[in-house]
């Protein structure tokens, strides 16, 4: 259960890359106002001092992240930006690059409980453009692109990676399509931003920089303001 003390209008939510947002970068901007249920990890919820924005970790994978997103929406969130790492499935998406998702392959199950069956879920073009522009003003170059959302990270096989790349995907992750479907169903403004977390397109997996990338802290800091603009 979401236990924030007050409703907020926007949220900057972390996905997949870490167990909780880095508190070091939040201390001067936000304070802890509650936490999610201990049954799903008890991730802390932080709010900016004017209570206009909240930031918290949504959990791992489509079902859990959608569950936490629903709790946030029920508490009053109407604008959201998710940021986190993703696996690069194309050499064209290199170290420290940033992708603002404009569509996601629905190779998971959660989105089908919210939207009619289709191959892709599309993100609002105006929101994608807005976030790219906002990031650029903060010195973070981003570009639009497609991602592959899957429920089975150990089934990101060589053949599947080749096929998804042929469909135009640059990254693979486990939440974007699910969260976008929730946002569309609930009529919430939503954007998803990735940095390059690891390399899954080469002959051997490369761990990359899931937690060490400088983009991680940059994106979290930017998201605190970009989500609510």
Protein backbone atom coordinates (compact mmCIF):
# COMPACT_ATOMS: atom_id res chain seq x y z
CA UNK A 1 0.00 0.00 0.00
CA UNK A 2 1.18 3.51 -0.78
CA UNK A 3 1.45 5.38 2.50
CA UNK A 4 2.42 8.90 1.42
CA UNK A 5 1.06 11.52 3.82
CA UNK A 6 -0.35 13.69 1.08
CA UNK A 7 -1.39 13.30 -2.51
CA UNK A 8 0.86 14.72 -5.20
CA UNK A 9 0.21 15.78 -8.74
CA UNK A 10 3.32 14.39 -10.38
CA UNK A 11 5.84 11.62 -9.81
CA UNK A 12 9.34 10.81 -10.94
CA UNK A 13 9.52 7.04 -10.66
CA UNK A 14 12.60 4.85 -10.91
CA UNK A 15 12.33 1.56 -12.78
CA UNK A 16 14.35 -1.64 -12.74
CA UNK A 17 17.86 -0.27 -12.22
CA UNK A 18 18.02 0.02 -8.47
CA UNK A 19 16.30 -1.03 -5.27
CA UNK A 20 15.61 2.55 -4.24
CA UNK A 21 16.42 6.07 -5.41
CA UNK A 22 19.77 7.43 -4.25
CA UNK A 23 19.07 9.37 -1.08
CA UNK A 24 22.25 11.43 -1.44
CA UNK A 25 20.84 13.41 -4.35
CA UNK A 26 17.42 13.78 -2.74
CA UNK A 27 18.27 15.20 0.67
CA UNK A 28 18.28 18.84 -0.40
CA UNK A 29 15.27 18.47 -2.69
CA UNK A 30 12.90 16.05 -0.99
CA UNK A 31 12.03 14.25 2.22
CA UNK A 32 10.63 10.82 2.99
CA UNK A 33 6.84 10.84 3.38
CA UNK A 34 6.05 7.15 3.46
CA UNK A 35 6.74 3.80 1.91
CA UNK A 36 5.20 1.09 -0.19
CA UNK A 37 4.01 -2.12 1.45
CA UNK A 38 6.64 -4.25 3.14
CA UNK A 39 5.20 -7.18 1.19
CA UNK A 40 6.61 -5.68 -2.01
CA UNK A 41 9.86 -4.38 -0.60
CA UNK A 42 8.82 -1.33 1.40
CA UNK A 43 10.46 1.13 -1.00
CA UNK A 44 10.47 4.65 0.41
CA UNK A 45 8.45 7.46 -1.12
CA UNK A 46 10.03 10.91 -1.21
CA UNK A 47 8.24 14.20 -1.85
CA UNK A 48 9.69 17.56 -2.78
CA UNK A 49 9.32 20.14 -0.02
CA UNK A 50 6.43 21.87 -1.79
CA UNK A 51 4.69 18.47 -2.17
CA UNK A 52 4.38 18.95 -5.94
CA UNK A 53 6.47 15.92 -6.87
CA UNK A 54 7.12 12.46 -5.49
CA UNK A 55 9.88 9.99 -6.31
CA UNK A 56 10.01 6.29 -5.56
CA UNK A 57 11.11 2.95 -6.99
CA UNK A 58 8.31 1.04 -8.71
CA UNK A 59 9.78 -2.43 -8.40
CA UNK A 60 10.95 -4.98 -10.91
CA UNK A 61 8.90 -6.16 -13.90
CA UNK A 62 5.52 -5.29 -15.33
CA UNK A 63 3.10 -6.65 -12.69
CA UNK A 64 4.82 -5.14 -9.66
CA UNK A 65 5.58 -1.80 -11.30
CA UNK A 66 2.00 -1.53 -12.57
CA UNK A 67 0.69 -2.35 -9.08
CA UNK A 68 2.80 0.41 -7.52
CA UNK A 69 1.86 2.85 -10.28
CA UNK A 70 -1.82 2.18 -9.65
CA UNK A 71 -1.27 2.98 -5.96
CA UNK A 72 0.42 6.25 -6.88
CA UNK A 73 -2.38 7.23 -9.25
CA UNK A 74 -4.97 6.44 -6.58
CA UNK A 75 -3.05 8.77 -4.24
CA UNK A 76 -3.36 11.65 -6.71
CA UNK A 77 -0.51 11.38 -9.22
CA UNK A 78 -1.52 12.67 -12.66
CA UNK A 79 1.88 13.16 -14.35
CA UNK A 80 4.71 10.64 -14.24
CA UNK A 81 8.16 10.13 -15.68
CA UNK A 82 9.98 6.83 -15.24
CA UNK A 83 13.74 6.71 -15.58
CA UNK A 84 16.11 3.77 -15.38
CA UNK A 85 18.59 1.58 -17.18
CA UNK A 86 17.89 -0.77 -20.05
CA UNK A 87 19.82 -3.35 -21.99
CA UNK A 88 21.20 -2.18 -25.31
CA UNK A 89 20.29 -4.56 -28.14
CA UNK A 90 21.79 -2.37 -30.85
CA UNK A 91 25.38 -1.11 -31.09
CA UNK A 92 23.90 2.23 -32.12
CA UNK A 93 22.72 2.75 -28.53
CA UNK A 94 26.03 3.18 -26.75
CA UNK A 95 27.46 3.94 -23.34
CA UNK A 96 25.77 6.86 -21.51
CA UNK A 97 23.26 7.43 -24.30
CA UNK A 98 19.70 8.32 -23.33
CA UNK A 99 16.51 7.08 -24.97
CA UNK A 100 13.09 8.68 -24.54
CA UNK A 101 10.74 5.84 -25.41
CA UNK A 102 8.26 6.59 -28.19
CA UNK A 103 6.85 3.06 -28.49
CA UNK A 104 7.28 -0.33 -26.85
CA UNK A 105 6.78 -3.91 -28.00
CA UNK A 106 4.29 -5.62 -25.70
CA UNK A 107 6.11 -8.89 -25.07
CA UNK A 108 4.69 -9.07 -21.54
CA UNK A 109 1.29 -9.75 -20.04
CA UNK A 110 0.26 -6.80 -17.91
CA UNK A 111 -0.52 -4.36 -20.72
CA UNK A 112 -3.13 -6.70 -22.18
CA UNK A 113 -5.26 -6.26 -19.06
CA UNK A 114 -5.43 -2.51 -19.79
CA UNK A 115 -5.45 -2.12 -23.57
CA UNK A 116 -6.78 -4.08 -26.58
CA UNK A 117 -4.33 -6.53 -28.08
CA UNK A 118 -1.68 -5.01 -30.36
CA UNK A 119 2.02 -5.42 -31.09
CA UNK A 120 3.03 -1.98 -29.84
CA UNK A 121 1.99 0.58 -27.28
CA UNK A 122 2.59 4.11 -28.49
CA UNK A 123 3.73 7.00 -26.29
CA UNK A 124 2.35 10.53 -26.74
CA UNK A 125 4.59 12.28 -29.33
CA UNK A 126 4.17 15.70 -27.72
CA UNK A 127 5.33 14.33 -24.36
CA UNK A 128 8.32 12.59 -25.94
CA UNK A 129 9.35 15.83 -27.66
CA UNK A 130 8.80 17.84 -24.48
CA UNK A 131 11.00 15.57 -22.36
CA UNK A 132 13.78 15.49 -24.98
CA UNK A 133 13.72 19.30 -25.02
CA UNK A 134 13.67 19.54 -21.20
CA UNK A 135 16.59 17.13 -20.88
CA UNK A 136 18.58 19.07 -23.48
CA UNK A 137 18.27 22.27 -21.42
CA UNK A 138 19.88 20.33 -18.56
CA UNK A 139 22.78 19.14 -20.70
CA UNK A 140 21.41 15.61 -21.21
CA UNK A 141 21.15 14.66 -24.89
CA UNK A 142 18.27 12.29 -25.54
CA UNK A 143 16.60 10.82 -28.59
CA UNK A 144 13.30 9.10 -29.31
CA UNK A 145 13.25 5.38 -29.96
CA UNK A 146 11.60 2.01 -29.48
CA UNK A 147 12.07 -0.52 -26.70
CA UNK A 148 11.21 -4.18 -26.21
CA UNK A 149 9.38 -4.91 -22.95
CA UNK A 150 9.59 -8.53 -21.84
CA UNK A 151 8.63 -10.56 -18.77
CA UNK A 152 11.49 -13.03 -19.18
CA UNK A 153 14.95 -11.54 -18.96
CA UNK A 154 16.62 -14.96 -19.15
CA UNK A 155 14.84 -15.55 -22.47
CA UNK A 156 16.40 -12.55 -24.22
CA UNK A 157 17.92 -15.01 -26.66
CA UNK A 158 20.20 -14.21 -29.58
CA UNK A 159 17.43 -14.96 -32.10
CA UNK A 160 14.91 -12.76 -30.29
CA UNK A 161 17.39 -9.90 -30.02
CA UNK A 162 18.01 -10.06 -33.77
CA UNK A 163 14.26 -10.03 -34.48
CA UNK A 164 13.52 -7.15 -32.10
CA UNK A 165 16.38 -5.12 -33.54
CA UNK A 166 14.94 -5.71 -37.02
CA UNK A 167 11.65 -4.27 -35.73
CA UNK A 168 13.48 -1.11 -34.72
CA UNK A 169 14.10 -1.59 -31.00
CA UNK A 170 17.22 -0.16 -29.41
CA UNK A 171 16.71 -1.45 -25.87
CA UNK A 172 15.15 -4.23 -23.81
CA UNK A 173 13.62 -3.81 -20.35
CA UNK A 174 10.72 -5.11 -18.26
CA UNK A 175 8.37 -2.23 -17.44
CA UNK A 176 7.79 0.37 -20.17
CA UNK A 177 4.88 -1.23 -22.05
CA UNK A 178 3.11 -2.17 -18.82
CA UNK A 179 3.41 1.29 -17.29
CA UNK A 180 2.38 3.00 -20.52
CA UNK A 181 -0.74 0.83 -20.67
CA UNK A 182 -1.68 1.75 -17.10
CA UNK A 183 -1.14 5.44 -17.88
CA UNK A 184 -3.30 5.32 -21.01
CA UNK A 185 -6.06 3.44 -19.20
CA UNK A 186 -6.01 5.82 -16.23
CA UNK A 187 -5.53 8.92 -18.43
CA UNK A 188 -2.28 9.88 -16.75
CA UNK A 189 0.51 11.77 -18.51
CA UNK A 190 3.50 9.46 -18.71
CA UNK A 191 7.00 9.32 -20.22
CA UNK A 192 9.76 6.71 -19.95
CA UNK A 193 13.50 7.48 -20.18
CA UNK A 194 16.33 4.95 -20.39
CA UNK A 195 20.07 5.09 -20.13
CA UNK A 196 22.34 2.29 -21.38
CA UNK A 197 22.65 -0.11 -18.46
CA UNK A 198 24.26 -3.12 -20.11
CA UNK A 199 25.10 -4.63 -23.49
CA UNK A 200 23.13 -7.67 -24.66
CA UNK A 201 23.78 -7.37 -28.39
CA UNK A 202 27.36 -8.64 -28.48
CA UNK A 203 28.59 -12.22 -28.51
CA UNK A 204 29.14 -11.96 -24.75
CA UNK A 205 27.07 -10.07 -22.21
CA UNK A 206 28.66 -6.92 -20.82
CA UNK A 207 27.53 -5.74 -17.40
CA UNK A 208 27.93 -2.13 -18.46
CA UNK A 209 27.12 0.46 -15.81
CA UNK A 210 23.75 -0.23 -14.22
CA UNK A 211 24.59 1.61 -11.00
CA UNK A 212 27.85 3.36 -11.92
CA UNK A 213 26.65 5.41 -14.90
CA UNK A 214 26.65 9.15 -14.37
CA UNK A 215 23.41 9.31 -16.31
CA UNK A 216 21.57 7.58 -13.48
CA UNK A 217 21.94 10.47 -11.04
CA UNK A 218 21.51 13.07 -13.80
CA UNK A 219 18.21 11.60 -14.91
CA UNK A 220 16.85 11.30 -11.39
CA UNK A 221 17.71 14.92 -10.68
CA UNK A 222 16.13 16.07 -13.95
CA UNK A 223 13.05 13.96 -13.44
CA UNK A 224 12.20 15.80 -10.22
CA UNK A 225 11.35 18.87 -12.29
CA UNK A 226 10.64 17.48 -15.76
CA UNK A 227 7.82 15.22 -14.56
CA UNK A 228 5.76 18.12 -13.30
CA UNK A 229 6.33 20.66 -16.08
